[in-house]
Amino acid sequence: MNMATKSRPAGGAGTLASRLGDVLRQAILAGQFTPGSKLPSEAQLGETHGVSRTVVREAIAALRADRLVEARQGAGVFVLDPPSPASPAPMSIENIDYARVSSVIEFLELRTAVEVEAAGLAAIRRSPAQEEVIIDCHYAVQSCVEQGKPSSEADFALHLAIAEATNNPRFRDFLSMIGKSVIPRAALRNEETEEDQAAYIKLLAEEHSAIVTAISAGDEEGAREAMRKHLRGSQARYRALLREQRQFVR
């Protein structure tokens, strides 16, 4: 059976991981876990919060992306010093002008350059645990779609899990800096019907499935091509929207 398309229970690990991540984040920021201290083990966190190890791993991945903790090989996960306030990075999400569709396209082009390579590296470098997180994140996106819930957060978690599976922290850092706000959504036009919207959402699900299947199969070039198709499709849609805007103001 194709691992990327089999059914999973409603709700998904993504929502549980997000909740656990929020709990742990609040505990760290409140000083319950001080800088330099070690977090409880995956087994302990899972037992305490009533979740699977997969959920714990995904929650920890989010904390690592926020630079609140770091994993040390063979030692565990340790709390880092809180990040010091700083001015937004040059490519920070604060610099996106959402009134300019061209600004979104620029970030999509940048994401394509980075995430195509990330998908290829994930296909050949991912650990079994990282592969499991990627697949669970994919199911979480599917669950949101099936239940008619917003899927941006689950979508971002999937892309973040793929970046994590490169085992090069710079890919994860890049996506964390960009943030989930630039995950391409439908960019729906007012005149589109519900059928049009459903068709687009179905297309996104198929593109995600192709990416996850290729990574799971260890298909480096297939993963790159699937990610390239996914992000370039989003670029094409925003460019079509940009052309419509330009025609409107002429």
Protein backbone atom coordinates (compact mmCIF):
# COMPACT_ATOMS: atom_id res chain seq x y z
CA MET A 1 0.00 0.00 0.00
CA ASN A 2 1.21 3.50 -0.81
CA MET A 3 2.26 5.00 2.57
CA ALA A 4 1.49 8.50 1.40
CA THR A 5 -2.14 7.84 0.53
CA LYS A 6 -3.51 5.30 3.02
CA SER A 7 -6.17 6.52 5.42
CA ARG A 8 -5.42 7.76 8.90
CA PRO A 9 -7.60 8.65 11.85
CA ALA A 10 -9.23 12.07 11.76
CA GLY A 11 -7.51 14.74 13.76
CA GLY A 12 -3.99 13.79 12.72
CA ALA A 13 -0.70 13.97 14.57
CA GLY A 14 -0.14 17.52 13.37
CA THR A 15 -2.77 19.03 15.66
CA LEU A 16 -1.54 17.05 18.67
CA ALA A 17 2.05 18.02 17.93
CA SER A 18 1.09 21.67 17.64
CA ARG A 19 -0.65 21.53 21.02
CA LEU A 20 2.26 19.75 22.69
CA GLY A 21 4.70 22.19 21.10
CA ASP A 22 2.72 25.11 22.53
CA VAL A 23 2.70 23.52 26.00
CA LEU A 24 6.46 22.93 25.96
CA ARG A 25 7.16 26.36 24.48
CA GLN A 26 5.17 28.04 27.25
CA ALA A 27 6.96 25.95 29.86
CA ILE A 28 10.35 26.97 28.48
CA LEU A 29 9.47 30.66 28.24
CA ALA A 30 8.02 30.56 31.76
CA GLY A 31 11.30 29.18 33.11
CA GLN A 32 10.04 25.70 34.00
CA PHE A 33 12.86 24.38 31.84
CA THR A 34 15.92 26.61 32.25
CA PRO A 35 18.63 27.18 29.62
CA GLY A 36 21.05 24.25 29.62
CA SER A 37 18.57 21.85 31.19
CA LYS A 38 17.55 18.65 29.49
CA LEU A 39 13.97 18.00 28.42
CA PRO A 40 12.33 14.73 29.48
CA SER A 41 12.85 11.85 27.07
CA GLU A 42 10.47 11.14 24.19
CA ALA A 43 9.00 8.25 26.16
CA GLN A 44 8.49 10.39 29.25
CA LEU A 45 6.89 13.25 27.31
CA GLY A 46 4.66 10.83 25.45
CA GLU A 47 3.50 9.19 28.66
CA THR A 48 2.99 12.50 30.47
CA HIS A 49 0.93 14.04 27.67
CA GLY A 50 -0.73 10.89 26.34
CA VAL A 51 0.70 11.09 22.83
CA SER A 52 2.87 8.96 20.57
CA ARG A 53 6.59 9.37 20.09
CA THR A 54 5.91 10.62 16.57
CA VAL A 55 3.87 13.49 18.00
CA VAL A 56 6.65 14.27 20.49
CA ARG A 57 9.28 14.30 17.71
CA GLU A 58 7.22 16.70 15.62
CA ALA A 59 6.67 19.01 18.59
CA ILE A 60 10.40 18.99 19.37
CA ALA A 61 11.16 19.74 15.71
CA ALA A 62 9.02 22.88 15.97
CA LEU A 63 10.87 23.96 19.12
CA ARG A 64 14.19 23.39 17.35
CA ALA A 65 12.98 25.50 14.44
CA ASP A 66 12.22 28.29 16.93
CA ARG A 67 15.75 27.84 18.36
CA LEU A 68 14.40 27.10 21.80
CA VAL A 69 16.07 23.69 22.07
CA GLU A 70 18.80 21.68 20.41
CA ALA A 71 19.27 17.93 20.05
CA ARG A 72 22.66 16.53 21.06
CA GLN A 73 23.57 13.19 19.58
CA GLY A 74 23.24 10.47 22.18
CA ALA A 75 22.55 12.94 25.00
CA GLY A 76 19.02 14.23 24.46
CA VAL A 77 17.31 17.56 23.85
CA PHE A 78 18.52 20.62 25.74
CA VAL A 79 17.01 24.06 26.29
CA LEU A 80 18.86 26.97 24.69
CA ASP A 81 19.24 30.52 25.93
CA PRO A 82 16.21 32.55 24.82
CA PRO A 83 16.82 34.34 21.52
CA SER A 84 17.74 37.98 22.00
CA PRO A 85 15.52 40.61 20.40
CA ALA A 86 16.83 41.71 17.05
CA SER A 87 15.72 43.68 14.07
CA PRO A 88 13.96 41.66 11.37
CA ALA A 89 16.25 39.83 8.98
CA PRO A 90 16.40 41.24 5.44
CA MET A 91 14.19 38.39 4.21
CA SER A 92 11.87 38.44 7.20
CA ILE A 93 8.17 37.89 6.73
CA GLU A 94 7.65 41.44 7.99
CA ASN A 95 9.10 42.67 4.71
CA ILE A 96 6.47 41.05 2.52
CA ASP A 97 4.03 43.51 1.02
CA TYR A 98 0.87 41.46 0.63
CA ALA A 99 -0.67 44.24 -1.45
CA ARG A 100 1.91 43.31 -4.08
CA VAL A 101 1.35 39.86 -5.51
CA SER A 102 4.80 40.22 -7.07
CA SER A 103 6.30 40.17 -3.56
CA VAL A 104 4.72 36.77 -2.88
CA ILE A 105 6.02 35.50 -6.23
CA GLU A 106 9.54 36.61 -5.28
CA PHE A 107 9.41 34.56 -2.10
CA LEU A 108 7.96 31.57 -3.95
CA GLU A 109 10.89 31.68 -6.38
CA LEU A 110 13.31 31.77 -3.45
CA ARG A 111 11.52 28.89 -1.74
CA THR A 112 11.65 26.87 -4.95
CA ALA A 113 15.42 27.29 -5.21
CA VAL A 114 15.87 26.06 -1.62
CA GLU A 115 13.12 23.48 -1.17
CA VAL A 116 13.73 21.57 -4.39
CA GLU A 117 17.20 20.71 -3.10
CA ALA A 118 15.80 20.06 0.39
CA ALA A 119 13.39 17.46 -0.99
CA GLY A 120 16.21 15.69 -2.81
CA LEU A 121 18.43 15.63 0.26
CA ALA A 122 15.55 14.45 2.45
CA ALA A 123 15.03 11.50 0.11
CA ILE A 124 18.58 10.24 0.66
CA ARG A 125 19.33 11.45 4.19
CA ARG A 126 16.09 11.03 6.16
CA SER A 127 16.08 8.74 9.14
CA PRO A 128 13.17 6.33 9.73
CA ALA A 129 11.91 8.64 12.50
CA GLN A 130 12.08 11.69 10.22
CA GLU A 131 10.29 9.78 7.45
CA GLU A 132 7.54 8.91 9.91
CA VAL A 133 7.13 12.59 10.87
CA ILE A 134 6.93 13.60 7.19
CA ILE A 135 4.23 11.03 6.51
CA ASP A 136 2.25 11.99 9.61
CA CYS A 137 2.44 15.67 8.63
CA HIS A 138 1.11 14.76 5.20
CA TYR A 139 -1.84 12.98 6.80
CA ALA A 140 -2.43 16.00 9.04
CA VAL A 141 -2.79 18.21 5.94
CA GLN A 142 -5.19 15.70 4.40
CA SER A 143 -7.21 15.61 7.61
CA CYS A 144 -7.59 19.41 7.61
CA VAL A 145 -8.75 19.35 4.00
CA GLU A 146 -11.23 16.53 4.60
CA GLN A 147 -12.70 18.36 7.61
CA GLY A 148 -12.82 21.70 5.82
CA LYS A 149 -10.38 23.28 8.28
CA PRO A 150 -7.57 25.75 7.48
CA SER A 151 -4.49 23.78 6.47
CA SER A 152 -1.76 26.44 6.36
CA GLU A 153 -0.23 25.42 9.70
CA ALA A 154 -0.26 21.71 8.82
CA ASP A 155 1.11 22.51 5.36
CA PHE A 156 4.00 24.47 6.87
CA ALA A 157 4.70 21.62 9.31
CA LEU A 158 5.05 19.26 6.33
CA HIS A 159 7.54 21.50 4.57
CA LEU A 160 9.41 22.02 7.85
CA ALA A 161 9.59 18.26 8.41
CA ILE A 162 11.09 17.81 4.94
CA ALA A 163 13.66 20.52 5.68
CA GLU A 164 14.46 18.82 8.99
CA ALA A 165 15.03 15.52 7.16
CA THR A 166 17.90 17.05 5.15
CA ASN A 167 19.87 16.87 8.41
CA ASN A 168 21.27 20.27 7.47
CA PRO A 169 19.88 22.77 10.00
CA ARG A 170 20.24 25.67 7.56
CA PHE A 171 17.29 24.45 5.50
CA ARG A 172 15.12 24.37 8.62
CA ASP A 173 16.40 27.79 9.68
CA PHE A 174 15.54 29.25 6.28
CA LEU A 175 11.93 28.02 6.37
CA SER A 176 11.53 29.13 9.98
CA MET A 177 12.70 32.61 9.02
CA ILE A 178 10.25 32.77 6.12
CA GLY A 179 7.39 31.47 8.28
CA LYS A 180 4.12 29.72 7.54
CA SER A 181 2.48 32.91 6.29
CA VAL A 182 3.97 32.41 2.82
CA ILE A 183 2.66 28.88 2.36
CA PRO A 184 0.81 29.23 -0.96
CA ARG A 185 -2.88 29.06 -0.55
CA ALA A 186 -5.44 29.01 -3.29
CA ALA A 187 -5.19 32.74 -4.02
CA LEU A 188 -8.86 32.34 -4.79
CA ARG A 189 -10.63 34.77 -7.02
CA ASN A 190 -14.10 35.95 -6.06
CA GLU A 191 -15.64 34.52 -9.21
CA GLU A 192 -14.36 31.00 -8.61
CA THR A 193 -16.95 28.40 -7.76
CA GLU A 194 -16.77 25.91 -4.91
CA GLU A 195 -15.97 23.28 -7.53
CA ASP A 196 -12.99 25.36 -8.72
CA GLN A 197 -11.73 25.68 -5.16
CA ALA A 198 -12.21 21.97 -4.44
CA ALA A 199 -10.30 21.09 -7.61
CA TYR A 200 -7.37 23.28 -6.58
CA ILE A 201 -7.24 21.81 -3.08
CA LYS A 202 -7.33 18.31 -4.60
CA LEU A 203 -4.40 19.28 -6.84
CA LEU A 204 -2.36 20.44 -3.84
CA ALA A 205 -3.06 17.14 -2.06
CA GLU A 206 -1.86 15.20 -5.09
CA GLU A 207 1.31 17.29 -5.31
CA HIS A 208 2.04 16.74 -1.61
CA SER A 209 1.46 13.01 -2.04
CA ALA A 210 3.96 12.87 -4.91
CA ILE A 211 6.60 14.64 -2.82
CA VAL A 212 6.11 12.42 0.22
CA THR A 213 6.01 9.22 -1.84
CA ALA A 214 9.29 10.08 -3.60
CA ILE A 215 11.03 10.92 -0.31
CA SER A 216 9.74 7.74 1.31
CA ALA A 217 11.03 5.72 -1.67
CA GLY A 218 14.44 7.35 -1.49
CA ASP A 219 13.93 8.78 -4.98
CA GLU A 220 16.20 11.84 -4.92
CA GLU A 221 15.43 13.17 -8.40
CA GLY A 222 11.76 12.26 -8.13
CA ALA A 223 11.50 14.22 -4.88
CA ARG A 224 13.17 17.23 -6.45
CA GLU A 225 10.89 17.15 -9.47
CA ALA A 226 7.74 16.73 -7.34
CA MET A 227 8.70 19.70 -5.15
CA ARG A 228 9.60 21.77 -8.21
CA LYS A 229 6.23 21.04 -9.79
CA HIS A 230 4.42 21.90 -6.54
CA LEU A 231 6.06 25.29 -6.01
CA ARG A 232 6.19 26.32 -9.65
CA GLY A 233 2.48 25.58 -9.89
CA SER A 234 1.92 28.04 -7.06
CA GLN A 235 4.07 30.60 -8.86
CA ALA A 236 2.02 30.18 -12.03
CA ARG A 237 -1.22 30.74 -10.14
CA TYR A 238 0.02 33.93 -8.51
CA ARG A 239 1.38 35.19 -11.82
CA ALA A 240 -2.06 34.66 -13.35
CA LEU A 241 -3.53 36.69 -10.49
CA LEU A 242 -0.91 39.40 -11.07
CA ARG A 243 -1.84 39.63 -14.77
CA GLU A 244 -5.49 40.00 -13.83
CA GLN A 245 -4.65 42.82 -11.42
CA ARG A 246 -2.63 44.64 -14.05
CA GLN A 247 -5.45 44.32 -16.59
CA PHE A 248 -7.91 45.66 -14.02
CA VAL A 249 -5.94 48.84 -13.33
CA ARG A 250 -5.21 49.65 -16.98
